[in-house]
């Protein structure tokens, strides 16, 4: 089973993440932040990755530590679940419409962490949630998962739609990239023979 559980404890947050790459999109999300819960639920449902996330953070200060540290833990769990990345499709992209909005995600499960973020929001907050924190989550997730991720909002006006289409685009790209390719026959999809170190 391609699954992992990661716990992260600091003076700012206590986080437990469990995921199963070969799931059906079942989720149990409790971060203490309603809109963030909603985004992670979308990620699980549309990637078909089973996901459990429990976060206890210093929300009396702000949401930053909880959001960023959740990205760190989720990225680490994805990296562990992928293991040597044998047999995976590795590359994928997805373009997701949501009403007036269109957002694209392109991903390479390369072992090389990198984020290109071309997503701008029409306002600073969605409810009480600071929209700048989405960049923090995506950055932490990509870095700790060891993946190359390009996110781009092509157009859109509604901040909720921009955020949700971003998570759904990532979800669909992840679904395809982590999928086992029967033509790979358990091989690592790299001419170097590894995807677990730099330069793969």
C-alpha atoms as a PDB file:
ATOM      1  CA  UNK A   1       0.000   0.000   0.000  1.00  0.00           C
ATOM      2  CA  UNK A   2       1.316   3.431  -0.969  1.00  0.00           C
ATOM      3  CA  UNK A   3       0.418   5.180   2.254  1.00  0.00           C
ATOM      4  CA  UNK A   4       2.115   7.230   4.954  1.00  0.00           C
ATOM      5  CA  UNK A   5       1.497   8.880   8.305  1.00  0.00           C
ATOM      6  CA  UNK A   6       3.451  11.939   9.396  1.00  0.00           C
ATOM      7  CA  UNK A   7       3.312  13.776  12.708  1.00  0.00           C
ATOM      8  CA  UNK A   8       4.831  17.207  13.189  1.00  0.00           C
ATOM      9  CA  UNK A   9       5.036  18.920  16.558  1.00  0.00           C
ATOM     10  CA  UNK A  10       6.470  22.357  17.258  1.00  0.00           C
ATOM     11  CA  UNK A  11       5.771  25.061  19.817  1.00  0.00           C
ATOM     12  CA  UNK A  12       3.369  26.536  17.265  1.00  0.00           C
ATOM     13  CA  UNK A  13       1.492  23.532  15.860  1.00  0.00           C
ATOM     14  CA  UNK A  14       0.717  19.860  16.390  1.00  0.00           C
ATOM     15  CA  UNK A  15      -0.172  18.123  13.145  1.00  0.00           C
ATOM     16  CA  UNK A  16      -0.996  14.552  12.143  1.00  0.00           C
ATOM     17  CA  UNK A  17      -1.426  13.628   8.468  1.00  0.00           C
ATOM     18  CA  UNK A  18      -2.283  10.232   7.002  1.00  0.00           C
ATOM     19  CA  UNK A  19      -2.756   9.619   3.302  1.00  0.00           C
ATOM     20  CA  UNK A  20      -3.258   6.728   0.918  1.00  0.00           C
ATOM     21  CA  UNK A  21      -2.428   7.317  -2.741  1.00  0.00           C
ATOM     22  CA  UNK A  22      -4.575   4.377  -3.839  1.00  0.00           C
ATOM     23  CA  UNK A  23      -7.721   5.479  -2.067  1.00  0.00           C
ATOM     24  CA  UNK A  24     -11.146   6.652  -3.185  1.00  0.00           C
ATOM     25  CA  UNK A  25     -11.062  10.271  -2.008  1.00  0.00           C
ATOM     26  CA  UNK A  26     -12.254   9.736   1.558  1.00  0.00           C
ATOM     27  CA  UNK A  27     -11.298  12.495   3.970  1.00  0.00           C
ATOM     28  CA  UNK A  28     -11.364  13.590   7.598  1.00  0.00           C
ATOM     29  CA  UNK A  29     -10.096  17.149   7.854  1.00  0.00           C
ATOM     30  CA  UNK A  30      -9.925  19.246  11.032  1.00  0.00           C
ATOM     31  CA  UNK A  31      -7.540  22.197  10.872  1.00  0.00           C
ATOM     32  CA  UNK A  32      -9.550  24.659  12.929  1.00  0.00           C
ATOM     33  CA  UNK A  33      -9.901  26.846   9.811  1.00  0.00           C
ATOM     34  CA  UNK A  34     -13.178  26.362   7.959  1.00  0.00           C
ATOM     35  CA  UNK A  35     -12.219  27.511   4.479  1.00  0.00           C
ATOM     36  CA  UNK A  36      -8.886  25.665   4.636  1.00  0.00           C
ATOM     37  CA  UNK A  37     -10.759  22.487   5.594  1.00  0.00           C
ATOM     38  CA  UNK A  38     -12.920  22.977   2.512  1.00  0.00           C
ATOM     39  CA  UNK A  39      -9.880  23.281   0.220  1.00  0.00           C
ATOM     40  CA  UNK A  40      -8.199  20.148   1.602  1.00  0.00           C
ATOM     41  CA  UNK A  41     -11.477  18.244   1.238  1.00  0.00           C
ATOM     42  CA  UNK A  42     -11.522  19.249  -2.439  1.00  0.00           C
ATOM     43  CA  UNK A  43      -7.928  18.087  -2.808  1.00  0.00           C
ATOM     44  CA  UNK A  44      -8.726  14.654  -1.389  1.00  0.00           C
ATOM     45  CA  UNK A  45     -11.999  14.161  -3.226  1.00  0.00           C
ATOM     46  CA  UNK A  46     -10.710  15.056  -6.677  1.00  0.00           C
ATOM     47  CA  UNK A  47      -7.305  13.364  -6.389  1.00  0.00           C
ATOM     48  CA  UNK A  48      -8.863  10.157  -4.986  1.00  0.00           C
ATOM     49  CA  UNK A  49      -6.166  10.296  -2.291  1.00  0.00           C
ATOM     50  CA  UNK A  50      -7.592   9.307   1.084  1.00  0.00           C
ATOM     51  CA  UNK A  51      -6.599  12.012   3.533  1.00  0.00           C
ATOM     52  CA  UNK A  52      -6.778  12.551   7.272  1.00  0.00           C
ATOM     53  CA  UNK A  53      -5.504  15.831   8.681  1.00  0.00           C
ATOM     54  CA  UNK A  54      -5.618  16.923  12.307  1.00  0.00           C
ATOM     55  CA  UNK A  55      -4.182  20.315  13.243  1.00  0.00           C
ATOM     56  CA  UNK A  56      -3.918  22.053  16.588  1.00  0.00           C
ATOM     57  CA  UNK A  57      -2.295  25.410  16.006  1.00  0.00           C
ATOM     58  CA  UNK A  58      -1.774  28.833  17.524  1.00  0.00           C
ATOM     59  CA  UNK A  59      -4.837  30.355  15.899  1.00  0.00           C
ATOM     60  CA  UNK A  60      -4.976  32.932  18.687  1.00  0.00           C
ATOM     61  CA  UNK A  61      -1.988  34.506  16.895  1.00  0.00           C
ATOM     62  CA  UNK A  62      -3.043  33.937  13.272  1.00  0.00           C
ATOM     63  CA  UNK A  63      -3.511  31.166  10.684  1.00  0.00           C
ATOM     64  CA  UNK A  64      -0.048  31.317   9.141  1.00  0.00           C
ATOM     65  CA  UNK A  65       1.711  28.626  11.188  1.00  0.00           C
ATOM     66  CA  UNK A  66      -1.200  26.186  10.903  1.00  0.00           C
ATOM     67  CA  UNK A  67      -1.477  26.546   7.124  1.00  0.00           C
ATOM     68  CA  UNK A  68       2.251  26.429   6.348  1.00  0.00           C
ATOM     69  CA  UNK A  69       2.983  23.557   8.728  1.00  0.00           C
ATOM     70  CA  UNK A  70       0.090  21.569   7.291  1.00  0.00           C
ATOM     71  CA  UNK A  71       1.708  21.980   3.873  1.00  0.00           C
ATOM     72  CA  UNK A  72       5.013  20.753   5.305  1.00  0.00           C
ATOM     73  CA  UNK A  73       3.411  17.659   6.853  1.00  0.00           C
ATOM     74  CA  UNK A  74       1.276  16.835   3.826  1.00  0.00           C
ATOM     75  CA  UNK A  75       4.252  17.195   1.494  1.00  0.00           C
ATOM     76  CA  UNK A  76       6.361  14.931   3.701  1.00  0.00           C
ATOM     77  CA  UNK A  77       3.579  12.337   3.760  1.00  0.00           C
ATOM     78  CA  UNK A  78       3.265  12.398  -0.038  1.00  0.00           C
ATOM     79  CA  UNK A  79       7.023  11.979  -0.402  1.00  0.00           C
ATOM     80  CA  UNK A  80       7.040   8.997   1.960  1.00  0.00           C
ATOM     81  CA  UNK A  81       4.034   7.356   0.292  1.00  0.00           C
ATOM     82  CA  UNK A  82       5.637   7.676  -3.155  1.00  0.00           C
ATOM     83  CA  UNK A  83       8.756   5.834  -1.968  1.00  0.00           C
ATOM     84  CA  UNK A  84      11.100   5.227  -4.910  1.00  0.00           C
ATOM     85  CA  UNK A  85       8.350   6.435  -7.261  1.00  0.00           C
ATOM     86  CA  UNK A  86       8.493   3.225  -9.280  1.00  0.00           C
ATOM     87  CA  UNK A  87       5.905   2.760 -11.996  1.00  0.00           C
ATOM     88  CA  UNK A  88       4.274   6.165 -11.654  1.00  0.00           C
ATOM     89  CA  UNK A  89       3.235   8.309 -14.584  1.00  0.00           C
ATOM     90  CA  UNK A  90       5.296  11.135 -13.023  1.00  0.00           C
ATOM     91  CA  UNK A  91       4.057  14.017 -15.211  1.00  0.00           C
ATOM     92  CA  UNK A  92       0.549  15.430 -15.385  1.00  0.00           C
ATOM     93  CA  UNK A  93      -1.385  18.614 -15.912  1.00  0.00           C
ATOM     94  CA  UNK A  94      -4.925  19.716 -15.340  1.00  0.00           C
ATOM     95  CA  UNK A  95      -6.914  22.803 -16.308  1.00  0.00           C
ATOM     96  CA  UNK A  96     -10.005  23.370 -14.194  1.00  0.00           C
ATOM     97  CA  UNK A  97     -12.869  25.771 -14.930  1.00  0.00           C
ATOM     98  CA  UNK A  98     -15.051  27.123 -12.147  1.00  0.00           C
ATOM     99  CA  UNK A  99     -17.687  29.513 -13.430  1.00  0.00           C
ATOM    100  CA  UNK A 100     -15.762  32.594 -14.706  1.00  0.00           C
ATOM    101  CA  UNK A 101     -12.415  31.237 -13.522  1.00  0.00           C
ATOM    102  CA  UNK A 102      -9.835  28.956 -15.186  1.00  0.00           C
ATOM    103  CA  UNK A 103      -6.771  27.586 -13.388  1.00  0.00           C
ATOM    104  CA  UNK A 104      -3.989  25.235 -14.506  1.00  0.00           C
ATOM    105  CA  UNK A 105      -1.658  22.950 -12.582  1.00  0.00           C
ATOM    106  CA  UNK A 106       1.324  21.165 -14.137  1.00  0.00           C
ATOM    107  CA  UNK A 107       3.287  18.707 -12.036  1.00  0.00           C
ATOM    108  CA  UNK A 108       6.443  16.617 -12.196  1.00  0.00           C
ATOM    109  CA  UNK A 109       7.047  14.166  -9.356  1.00  0.00           C
ATOM    110  CA  UNK A 110      10.704  14.747 -10.018  1.00  0.00           C
ATOM    111  CA  UNK A 111      12.408  14.713  -6.638  1.00  0.00           C
ATOM    112  CA  UNK A 112      13.293  18.358  -7.346  1.00  0.00           C
ATOM    113  CA  UNK A 113      11.250  20.781  -5.243  1.00  0.00           C
ATOM    114  CA  UNK A 114      10.115  23.880  -7.102  1.00  0.00           C
ATOM    115  CA  UNK A 115       7.014  26.038  -7.189  1.00  0.00           C
ATOM    116  CA  UNK A 116       6.020  28.509  -9.862  1.00  0.00           C
ATOM    117  CA  UNK A 117       3.074  30.523  -8.518  1.00  0.00           C
ATOM    118  CA  UNK A 118       1.162  32.697 -10.949  1.00  0.00           C
ATOM    119  CA  UNK A 119      -2.018  33.057  -8.945  1.00  0.00           C
ATOM    120  CA  UNK A 120      -3.342  36.475  -7.963  1.00  0.00           C
ATOM    121  CA  UNK A 121      -6.405  37.056  -5.865  1.00  0.00           C
ATOM    122  CA  UNK A 122      -9.003  39.767  -6.326  1.00  0.00           C
ATOM    123  CA  UNK A 123      -9.076  40.466  -2.599  1.00  0.00           C
ATOM    124  CA  UNK A 124      -6.917  39.927   0.484  1.00  0.00           C
ATOM    125  CA  UNK A 125      -9.336  37.752   2.433  1.00  0.00           C
ATOM    126  CA  UNK A 126     -11.940  35.062   1.885  1.00  0.00           C
ATOM    127  CA  UNK A 127     -13.989  35.425   5.033  1.00  0.00           C
ATOM    128  CA  UNK A 128     -11.311  35.502   7.730  1.00  0.00           C
ATOM    129  CA  UNK A 129      -8.748  33.612   5.636  1.00  0.00           C
ATOM    130  CA  UNK A 130      -5.794  35.587   4.253  1.00  0.00           C
ATOM    131  CA  UNK A 131      -5.449  34.699   0.572  1.00  0.00           C
ATOM    132  CA  UNK A 132      -1.640  35.133   0.740  1.00  0.00           C
ATOM    133  CA  UNK A 133      -1.571  31.939   2.830  1.00  0.00           C
ATOM    134  CA  UNK A 134      -2.425  29.844  -0.229  1.00  0.00           C
ATOM    135  CA  UNK A 135       1.043  30.544  -1.612  1.00  0.00           C
ATOM    136  CA  UNK A 136       2.534  29.502   1.733  1.00  0.00           C
ATOM    137  CA  UNK A 137       0.705  26.168   1.649  1.00  0.00           C
ATOM    138  CA  UNK A 138       1.568  25.357  -1.964  1.00  0.00           C
ATOM    139  CA  UNK A 139       5.219  26.322  -1.385  1.00  0.00           C
ATOM    140  CA  UNK A 140       5.536  24.171   1.737  1.00  0.00           C
ATOM    141  CA  UNK A 141       3.752  21.260   0.064  1.00  0.00           C
ATOM    142  CA  UNK A 142       5.903  21.277  -3.089  1.00  0.00           C
ATOM    143  CA  UNK A 143       9.166  21.701  -1.196  1.00  0.00           C
ATOM    144  CA  UNK A 144       8.533  18.888   1.260  1.00  0.00           C
ATOM    145  CA  UNK A 145       7.025  16.515  -1.298  1.00  0.00           C
ATOM    146  CA  UNK A 146      10.006  16.982  -3.618  1.00  0.00           C
ATOM    147  CA  UNK A 147       7.887  17.901  -6.611  1.00  0.00           C
ATOM    148  CA  UNK A 148       7.990  20.505  -9.353  1.00  0.00           C
ATOM    149  CA  UNK A 149       4.666  22.322  -9.424  1.00  0.00           C
ATOM    150  CA  UNK A 150       3.508  25.125 -11.698  1.00  0.00           C
ATOM    151  CA  UNK A 151       0.259  26.835 -10.716  1.00  0.00           C
ATOM    152  CA  UNK A 152      -1.352  29.490 -12.892  1.00  0.00           C
ATOM    153  CA  UNK A 153      -4.701  31.210 -12.735  1.00  0.00           C
ATOM    154  CA  UNK A 154      -5.414  32.070 -16.363  1.00  0.00           C
ATOM    155  CA  UNK A 155      -8.346  34.324 -15.542  1.00  0.00           C
ATOM    156  CA  UNK A 156     -11.057  34.840 -12.966  1.00  0.00           C
ATOM    157  CA  UNK A 157     -12.530  37.405 -10.611  1.00  0.00           C
ATOM    158  CA  UNK A 158     -14.062  35.593  -7.651  1.00  0.00           C
ATOM    159  CA  UNK A 159     -11.412  34.860  -4.990  1.00  0.00           C
ATOM    160  CA  UNK A 160     -13.250  31.764  -3.751  1.00  0.00           C
ATOM    161  CA  UNK A 161     -13.326  30.364  -7.280  1.00  0.00           C
ATOM    162  CA  UNK A 162      -9.628  31.119  -7.819  1.00  0.00           C
ATOM    163  CA  UNK A 163      -8.683  29.284  -4.618  1.00  0.00           C
ATOM    164  CA  UNK A 164     -10.969  26.314  -5.165  1.00  0.00           C
ATOM    165  CA  UNK A 165     -10.005  25.842  -8.808  1.00  0.00           C
ATOM    166  CA  UNK A 166      -6.331  25.896  -7.734  1.00  0.00           C
ATOM    167  CA  UNK A 167      -6.807  23.032  -5.289  1.00  0.00           C
ATOM    168  CA  UNK A 168      -8.952  21.096  -7.750  1.00  0.00           C
ATOM    169  CA  UNK A 169      -6.383  21.543 -10.524  1.00  0.00           C
ATOM    170  CA  UNK A 170      -3.636  20.283  -8.209  1.00  0.00           C
ATOM    171  CA  UNK A 171      -5.866  17.389  -7.195  1.00  0.00           C
ATOM    172  CA  UNK A 172      -6.526  16.220 -10.744  1.00  0.00           C
ATOM    173  CA  UNK A 173      -2.884  16.585 -11.722  1.00  0.00           C
ATOM    174  CA  UNK A 174      -1.817  14.587  -8.650  1.00  0.00           C
ATOM    175  CA  UNK A 175      -4.385  11.900  -9.428  1.00  0.00           C
ATOM    176  CA  UNK A 176      -2.820  11.334 -12.847  1.00  0.00           C
ATOM    177  CA  UNK A 177       0.835  11.756 -11.838  1.00  0.00           C
ATOM    178  CA  UNK A 178       0.785   9.270  -8.926  1.00  0.00           C
ATOM    179  CA  UNK A 179      -1.143   6.676 -10.924  1.00  0.00           C
ATOM    180  CA  UNK A 180       0.686   3.444 -11.695  1.00  0.00           C
ATOM    181  CA  UNK A 181       1.405   3.157 -15.416  1.00  0.00           C
ATOM    182  CA  UNK A 182       1.126  -0.490 -16.515  1.00  0.00           C
ATOM    183  CA  UNK A 183       3.685   0.182 -19.264  1.00  0.00           C
ATOM    184  CA  UNK A 184       6.305   1.190 -16.672  1.00  0.00           C
ATOM    185  CA  UNK A 185       6.412  -2.330 -15.179  1.00  0.00           C
ATOM    186  CA  UNK A 186       7.678  -1.067 -11.842  1.00  0.00           C
ATOM    187  CA  UNK A 187      10.507   0.982 -13.360  1.00  0.00           C
ATOM    188  CA  UNK A 188      11.532   4.421 -12.152  1.00  0.00           C
ATOM    189  CA  UNK A 189      10.469   6.880 -14.888  1.00  0.00           C
ATOM    190  CA  UNK A 190      13.848   8.590 -15.229  1.00  0.00           C
ATOM    191  CA  UNK A 191      16.904   7.981 -17.406  1.00  0.00           C
ATOM    192  CA  UNK A 192      18.967   8.388 -14.232  1.00  0.00           C
ATOM    193  CA  UNK A 193      17.176   5.508 -12.570  1.00  0.00           C
ATOM    194  CA  UNK A 194      16.142   7.519  -9.516  1.00  0.00           C
ATOM    195  CA  UNK A 195      13.617  10.178  -8.538  1.00  0.00           C
ATOM    196  CA  UNK A 196      14.592  10.423  -4.893  1.00  0.00           C
ATOM    197  CA  UNK A 197      17.506  12.832  -5.143  1.00  0.00           C
ATOM    198  CA  UNK A 198      18.477  16.083  -6.847  1.00  0.00           C
ATOM    199  CA  UNK A 199      18.902  16.170 -10.592  1.00  0.00           C
ATOM    200  CA  UNK A 200      16.622  13.201 -11.407  1.00  0.00           C
END
